[in-house]
PDB file of all heavy atoms in Angstrom:
ATOM      1  N   GLY A   1     -12.524  -5.755   3.341  1.00  0.00           N
ATOM      2  CA  GLY A   1     -11.285  -5.308   3.962  1.00  0.00           C
ATOM      3  C   GLY A   1     -10.308  -6.449   4.140  1.00  0.00           C
ATOM      4  O   GLY A   1     -10.657  -7.623   4.008  1.00  0.00           O
ATOM      5  N   MET A   2      -9.050  -6.115   4.442  1.00  0.00           N
ATOM      6  CA  MET A   2      -8.005  -7.119   4.639  1.00  0.00           C
ATOM      7  C   MET A   2      -6.920  -6.554   5.544  1.00  0.00           C
ATOM      8  O   MET A   2      -6.759  -5.329   5.690  1.00  0.00           O
ATOM      9  CB  MET A   2      -7.385  -7.535   3.307  1.00  0.00           C
ATOM     10  CG  MET A   2      -6.734  -6.409   2.529  1.00  0.00           C
ATOM     11  SD  MET A   2      -5.625  -6.963   1.203  1.00  0.00           S
ATOM     12  CE  MET A   2      -4.064  -7.008   2.104  1.00  0.00           C
ATOM     13  N   LEU A   3      -6.188  -7.460   6.154  1.00  0.00           N
ATOM     14  CA  LEU A   3      -5.023  -7.074   6.943  1.00  0.00           C
ATOM     15  C   LEU A   3      -3.867  -6.795   5.997  1.00  0.00           C
ATOM     16  O   LEU A   3      -3.631  -7.551   5.046  1.00  0.00           O
ATOM     17  CB  LEU A   3      -4.656  -8.209   7.899  1.00  0.00           C
ATOM     18  CG  LEU A   3      -3.536  -7.914   8.894  1.00  0.00           C
ATOM     19  CD1 LEU A   3      -4.023  -6.943   9.961  1.00  0.00           C
ATOM     20  CD2 LEU A   3      -3.058  -9.206   9.545  1.00  0.00           C
ATOM     21  N   GLY A   4      -3.160  -5.706   6.221  1.00  0.00           N
ATOM     22  CA  GLY A   4      -2.046  -5.366   5.354  1.00  0.00           C
ATOM     23  C   GLY A   4      -0.838  -4.924   6.143  1.00  0.00           C
ATOM     24  O   GLY A   4      -0.939  -4.078   7.037  1.00  0.00           O
ATOM     25  N   ALA A   5       0.316  -5.526   5.856  1.00  0.00           N
ATOM     26  CA  ALA A   5       1.563  -5.107   6.491  1.00  0.00           C
ATOM     27  C   ALA A   5       2.594  -4.673   5.456  1.00  0.00           C
ATOM     28  O   ALA A   5       3.662  -4.206   5.819  1.00  0.00           O
ATOM     29  CB  ALA A   5       2.128  -6.242   7.354  1.00  0.00           C
ATOM     30  N   TRP A   6       2.253  -4.867   4.172  1.00  0.00           N
ATOM     31  CA  TRP A   6       3.166  -4.464   3.107  1.00  0.00           C
ATOM     32  C   TRP A   6       2.738  -3.105   2.573  1.00  0.00           C
ATOM     33  O   TRP A   6       2.273  -2.959   1.450  1.00  0.00           O
ATOM     34  CB  TRP A   6       3.183  -5.512   2.002  1.00  0.00           C
ATOM     35  CG  TRP A   6       3.789  -6.814   2.446  1.00  0.00           C
ATOM     36  CD1 TRP A   6       4.174  -7.161   3.706  1.00  0.00           C
ATOM     37  CD2 TRP A   6       4.086  -7.932   1.621  1.00  0.00           C
ATOM     38  NE1 TRP A   6       4.682  -8.429   3.731  1.00  0.00           N
ATOM     39  CE2 TRP A   6       4.645  -8.938   2.463  1.00  0.00           C
ATOM     40  CE3 TRP A   6       3.940  -8.210   0.273  1.00  0.00           C
ATOM     41  CZ2 TRP A   6       5.053 -10.174   1.978  1.00  0.00           C
ATOM     42  CZ3 TRP A   6       4.341  -9.451  -0.216  1.00  0.00           C
ATOM     43  CH2 TRP A   6       4.898 -10.420   0.625  1.00  0.00           C
ATOM     44  N   VAL A   7       2.896  -2.097   3.425  1.00  0.00           N
ATOM     45  CA  VAL A   7       2.493  -0.730   3.100  1.00  0.00           C
ATOM     46  C   VAL A   7       3.687   0.181   3.310  1.00  0.00           C
ATOM     47  O   VAL A   7       4.430   0.038   4.288  1.00  0.00           O
ATOM     48  CB  VAL A   7       1.321  -0.260   3.998  1.00  0.00           C
ATOM     49  CG1 VAL A   7       0.906   1.164   3.638  1.00  0.00           C
ATOM     50  CG2 VAL A   7       0.142  -1.211   3.887  1.00  0.00           C
ATOM     51  N   SER A   8       3.867   1.125   2.395  1.00  0.00           N
ATOM     52  CA  SER A   8       5.001   2.045   2.532  1.00  0.00           C
ATOM     53  C   SER A   8       4.653   3.392   1.935  1.00  0.00           C
ATOM     54  O   SER A   8       3.910   3.472   0.951  1.00  0.00           O
ATOM     55  CB  SER A   8       6.228   1.470   1.811  1.00  0.00           C
ATOM     56  OG  SER A   8       7.328   2.373   1.878  1.00  0.00           O
ATOM     57  N   GLN A   9       5.174   4.462   2.530  1.00  0.00           N
ATOM     58  CA  GLN A   9       5.038   5.769   1.893  1.00  0.00           C
ATOM     59  C   GLN A   9       5.895   5.769   0.630  1.00  0.00           C
ATOM     60  O   GLN A   9       7.025   5.285   0.625  1.00  0.00           O
ATOM     61  CB  GLN A   9       5.477   6.889   2.829  1.00  0.00           C
ATOM     62  CG  GLN A   9       5.255   8.267   2.215  1.00  0.00           C
ATOM     63  CD  GLN A   9       5.449   9.403   3.211  1.00  0.00           C
ATOM     64  OE1 GLN A   9       5.599   9.181   4.399  1.00  0.00           O
ATOM     65  NE2 GLN A   9       5.443  10.630   2.712  1.00  0.00           N
ATOM     66  N   ALA A  10       5.344   6.334  -0.437  1.00  0.00           N
ATOM     67  CA  ALA A  10       6.034   6.296  -1.724  1.00  0.00           C
ATOM     68  C   ALA A  10       6.433   7.672  -2.229  1.00  0.00           C
ATOM     69  O   ALA A  10       7.448   7.809  -2.912  1.00  0.00           O
ATOM     70  CB  ALA A  10       5.161   5.604  -2.762  1.00  0.00           C
ATOM     71  N   THR A  11       5.615   8.697  -1.945  1.00  0.00           N
ATOM     72  CA  THR A  11       5.892  10.039  -2.462  1.00  0.00           C
ATOM     73  C   THR A  11       5.577  11.086  -1.410  1.00  0.00           C
ATOM     74  O   THR A  11       4.752  10.874  -0.514  1.00  0.00           O
ATOM     75  CB  THR A  11       5.052  10.332  -3.722  1.00  0.00           C
ATOM     76  OG1 THR A  11       3.663  10.127  -3.419  1.00  0.00           O
ATOM     77  CG2 THR A  11       5.443   9.435  -4.880  1.00  0.00           C
ATOM     78  N   PHE A  12       6.276  12.239  -1.527  1.00  0.00           N
ATOM     79  CA  PHE A  12       5.992  13.400  -0.678  1.00  0.00           C
ATOM     80  C   PHE A  12       4.936  14.308  -1.315  1.00  0.00           C
ATOM     81  O   PHE A  12       4.026  14.782  -0.648  1.00  0.00           O
ATOM     82  CB  PHE A  12       7.274  14.214  -0.448  1.00  0.00           C
ATOM     83  CG  PHE A  12       8.260  13.541   0.464  1.00  0.00           C
ATOM     84  CD1 PHE A  12       9.583  13.405   0.082  1.00  0.00           C
ATOM     85  CD2 PHE A  12       7.873  13.048   1.702  1.00  0.00           C
ATOM     86  CE1 PHE A  12      10.505  12.787   0.915  1.00  0.00           C
ATOM     87  CE2 PHE A  12       8.789  12.438   2.549  1.00  0.00           C
ATOM     88  CZ  PHE A  12      10.110  12.308   2.147  1.00  0.00           C
ATOM     89  N   ASN A  13       5.115  14.566  -2.610  1.00  0.00           N
ATOM     90  CA  ASN A  13       4.247  15.521  -3.280  1.00  0.00           C
ATOM     91  C   ASN A  13       3.807  14.963  -4.640  1.00  0.00           C
ATOM     92  O   ASN A  13       4.599  14.901  -5.568  1.00  0.00           O
ATOM     93  CB  ASN A  13       4.992  16.856  -3.486  1.00  0.00           C
ATOM     94  CG  ASN A  13       4.085  17.929  -4.043  1.00  0.00           C
ATOM     95  OD1 ASN A  13       2.864  17.851  -3.922  1.00  0.00           O
ATOM     96  ND2 ASN A  13       4.684  18.939  -4.660  1.00  0.00           N
ATOM     97  N   PRO A  14       2.553  14.504  -4.744  1.00  0.00           N
ATOM     98  CA  PRO A  14       1.556  14.477  -3.679  1.00  0.00           C
ATOM     99  C   PRO A  14       1.869  13.391  -2.667  1.00  0.00           C
ATOM    100  O   PRO A  14       2.607  12.440  -3.000  1.00  0.00           O
ATOM    101  CB  PRO A  14       0.261  14.159  -4.436  1.00  0.00           C
ATOM    102  CG  PRO A  14       0.713  13.310  -5.583  1.00  0.00           C
ATOM    103  CD  PRO A  14       2.032  13.890  -5.998  1.00  0.00           C
ATOM    104  N   PRO A  15       1.320  13.479  -1.458  1.00  0.00           N
ATOM    105  CA  PRO A  15       1.548  12.391  -0.505  1.00  0.00           C
ATOM    106  C   PRO A  15       0.956  11.098  -1.046  1.00  0.00           C
ATOM    107  O   PRO A  15      -0.207  11.057  -1.442  1.00  0.00           O
ATOM    108  CB  PRO A  15       0.818  12.865   0.759  1.00  0.00           C
ATOM    109  CG  PRO A  15      -0.167  13.877   0.278  1.00  0.00           C
ATOM    110  CD  PRO A  15       0.457  14.532  -0.912  1.00  0.00           C
ATOM    111  N   GLY A  16       1.785  10.061  -1.107  1.00  0.00           N
ATOM    112  CA  GLY A  16       1.317   8.814  -1.703  1.00  0.00           C
ATOM    113  C   GLY A  16       1.899   7.604  -1.012  1.00  0.00           C
ATOM    114  O   GLY A  16       2.952   7.679  -0.358  1.00  0.00           O
ATOM    115  N   ILE A  17       1.227   6.466  -1.151  1.00  0.00           N
ATOM    116  CA  ILE A  17       1.662   5.220  -0.538  1.00  0.00           C
ATOM    117  C   ILE A  17       1.601   4.099  -1.557  1.00  0.00           C
ATOM    118  O   ILE A  17       0.928   4.216  -2.584  1.00  0.00           O
ATOM    119  CB  ILE A  17       0.787   4.844   0.674  1.00  0.00           C
ATOM    120  CG1 ILE A  17      -0.676   4.618   0.250  1.00  0.00           C
ATOM    121  CG2 ILE A  17       0.863   5.911   1.765  1.00  0.00           C
ATOM    122  CD1 ILE A  17      -1.557   4.057   1.351  1.00  0.00           C
ATOM    123  N   THR A  18       2.303   3.010  -1.272  1.00  0.00           N
ATOM    124  CA  THR A  18       2.152   1.776  -2.046  1.00  0.00           C
ATOM    125  C   THR A  18       1.643   0.676  -1.118  1.00  0.00           C
ATOM    126  O   THR A  18       2.001   0.626   0.057  1.00  0.00           O
ATOM    127  CB  THR A  18       3.473   1.314  -2.688  1.00  0.00           C
ATOM    128  OG1 THR A  18       4.468   1.147  -1.672  1.00  0.00           O
ATOM    129  CG2 THR A  18       3.946   2.315  -3.724  1.00  0.00           C
ATOM    130  N   VAL A  19       0.816  -0.178  -1.672  1.00  0.00           N
ATOM    131  CA  VAL A  19       0.267  -1.315  -0.938  1.00  0.00           C
ATOM    132  C   VAL A  19       0.404  -2.546  -1.817  1.00  0.00           C
ATOM    133  O   VAL A  19       0.049  -2.514  -3.000  1.00  0.00           O
ATOM    134  CB  VAL A  19      -1.227  -1.099  -0.591  1.00  0.00           C
ATOM    135  CG1 VAL A  19      -1.757  -2.281   0.207  1.00  0.00           C
ATOM    136  CG2 VAL A  19      -1.439   0.205   0.167  1.00  0.00           C
ATOM    137  N   ALA A  20       0.932  -3.638  -1.274  1.00  0.00           N
ATOM    138  CA  ALA A  20       1.030  -4.901  -2.006  1.00  0.00           C
ATOM    139  C   ALA A  20      -0.144  -5.787  -1.606  1.00  0.00           C
ATOM    140  O   ALA A  20      -0.397  -6.006  -0.420  1.00  0.00           O
ATOM    141  CB  ALA A  20       2.347  -5.594  -1.709  1.00  0.00           C
ATOM    142  N   ILE A  21      -0.863  -6.292  -2.604  1.00  0.00           N
ATOM    143  CA  ILE A  21      -2.074  -7.080  -2.353  1.00  0.00           C
ATOM    144  C   ILE A  21      -1.989  -8.381  -3.142  1.00  0.00           C
ATOM    145  O   ILE A  21      -1.776  -8.370  -4.360  1.00  0.00           O
ATOM    146  CB  ILE A  21      -3.333  -6.305  -2.772  1.00  0.00           C
ATOM    147  CG1 ILE A  21      -3.421  -4.994  -1.994  1.00  0.00           C
ATOM    148  CG2 ILE A  21      -4.591  -7.135  -2.556  1.00  0.00           C
ATOM    149  CD1 ILE A  21      -4.543  -4.094  -2.457  1.00  0.00           C
ATOM    150  N   ALA A  22      -2.154  -9.507  -2.452  1.00  0.00           N
ATOM    151  CA  ALA A  22      -2.156 -10.802  -3.125  1.00  0.00           C
ATOM    152  C   ALA A  22      -3.293 -10.865  -4.134  1.00  0.00           C
ATOM    153  O   ALA A  22      -4.367 -10.293  -3.919  1.00  0.00           O
ATOM    154  CB  ALA A  22      -2.293 -11.921  -2.098  1.00  0.00           C
ATOM    155  N   LYS A  23      -3.072 -11.574  -5.228  1.00  0.00           N
ATOM    156  CA  LYS A  23      -4.035 -11.573  -6.329  1.00  0.00           C
ATOM    157  C   LYS A  23      -5.372 -12.206  -5.959  1.00  0.00           C
ATOM    158  O   LYS A  23      -6.393 -11.902  -6.589  1.00  0.00           O
ATOM    159  CB  LYS A  23      -3.438 -12.299  -7.545  1.00  0.00           C
ATOM    160  CG  LYS A  23      -2.318 -11.526  -8.215  1.00  0.00           C
ATOM    161  CD  LYS A  23      -1.780 -12.261  -9.422  1.00  0.00           C
ATOM    162  CE  LYS A  23      -0.743 -11.421 -10.154  1.00  0.00           C
ATOM    163  NZ  LYS A  23      -0.178 -12.132 -11.326  1.00  0.00           N
ATOM    164  N   ASP A  24      -5.372 -13.093  -4.957  1.00  0.00           N
ATOM    165  CA  ASP A  24      -6.628 -13.757  -4.617  1.00  0.00           C
ATOM    166  C   ASP A  24      -7.398 -13.068  -3.497  1.00  0.00           C
ATOM    167  O   ASP A  24      -8.386 -13.596  -2.999  1.00  0.00           O
ATOM    168  CB  ASP A  24      -6.378 -15.225  -4.253  1.00  0.00           C
ATOM    169  CG  ASP A  24      -5.440 -15.384  -3.062  1.00  0.00           C
ATOM    170  OD1 ASP A  24      -4.967 -14.364  -2.526  1.00  0.00           O
ATOM    171  OD2 ASP A  24      -5.185 -16.545  -2.656  1.00  0.00           O
ATOM    172  N   ARG A  25      -6.989 -11.877  -3.084  1.00  0.00           N
ATOM    173  CA  ARG A  25      -7.706 -11.150  -2.037  1.00  0.00           C
ATOM    174  C   ARG A  25      -9.012 -10.585  -2.578  1.00  0.00           C
ATOM    175  O   ARG A  25      -9.077 -10.091  -3.713  1.00  0.00           O
ATOM    176  CB  ARG A  25      -6.854 -10.010  -1.502  1.00  0.00           C
ATOM    177  CG  ARG A  25      -5.586 -10.457  -0.803  1.00  0.00           C
ATOM    178  CD  ARG A  25      -5.881 -11.011   0.573  1.00  0.00           C
ATOM    179  NE  ARG A  25      -4.661 -11.255   1.326  1.00  0.00           N
ATOM    180  CZ  ARG A  25      -4.624 -11.628   2.593  1.00  0.00           C
ATOM    181  NH1 ARG A  25      -5.750 -11.798   3.249  1.00  0.00           N
ATOM    182  NH2 ARG A  25      -3.474 -11.835   3.196  1.00  0.00           N
TER     183      ARG A  25
END
C-alpha cells in the first residue's frame, strides 16, 4: 500500500477514477 493524494474522479458512467503513482513505488 501507499499514501495517495493525487486521486480524482474521472468518469460518471462507468464510475471511474485516476490515480498518479510514482514509478518507484
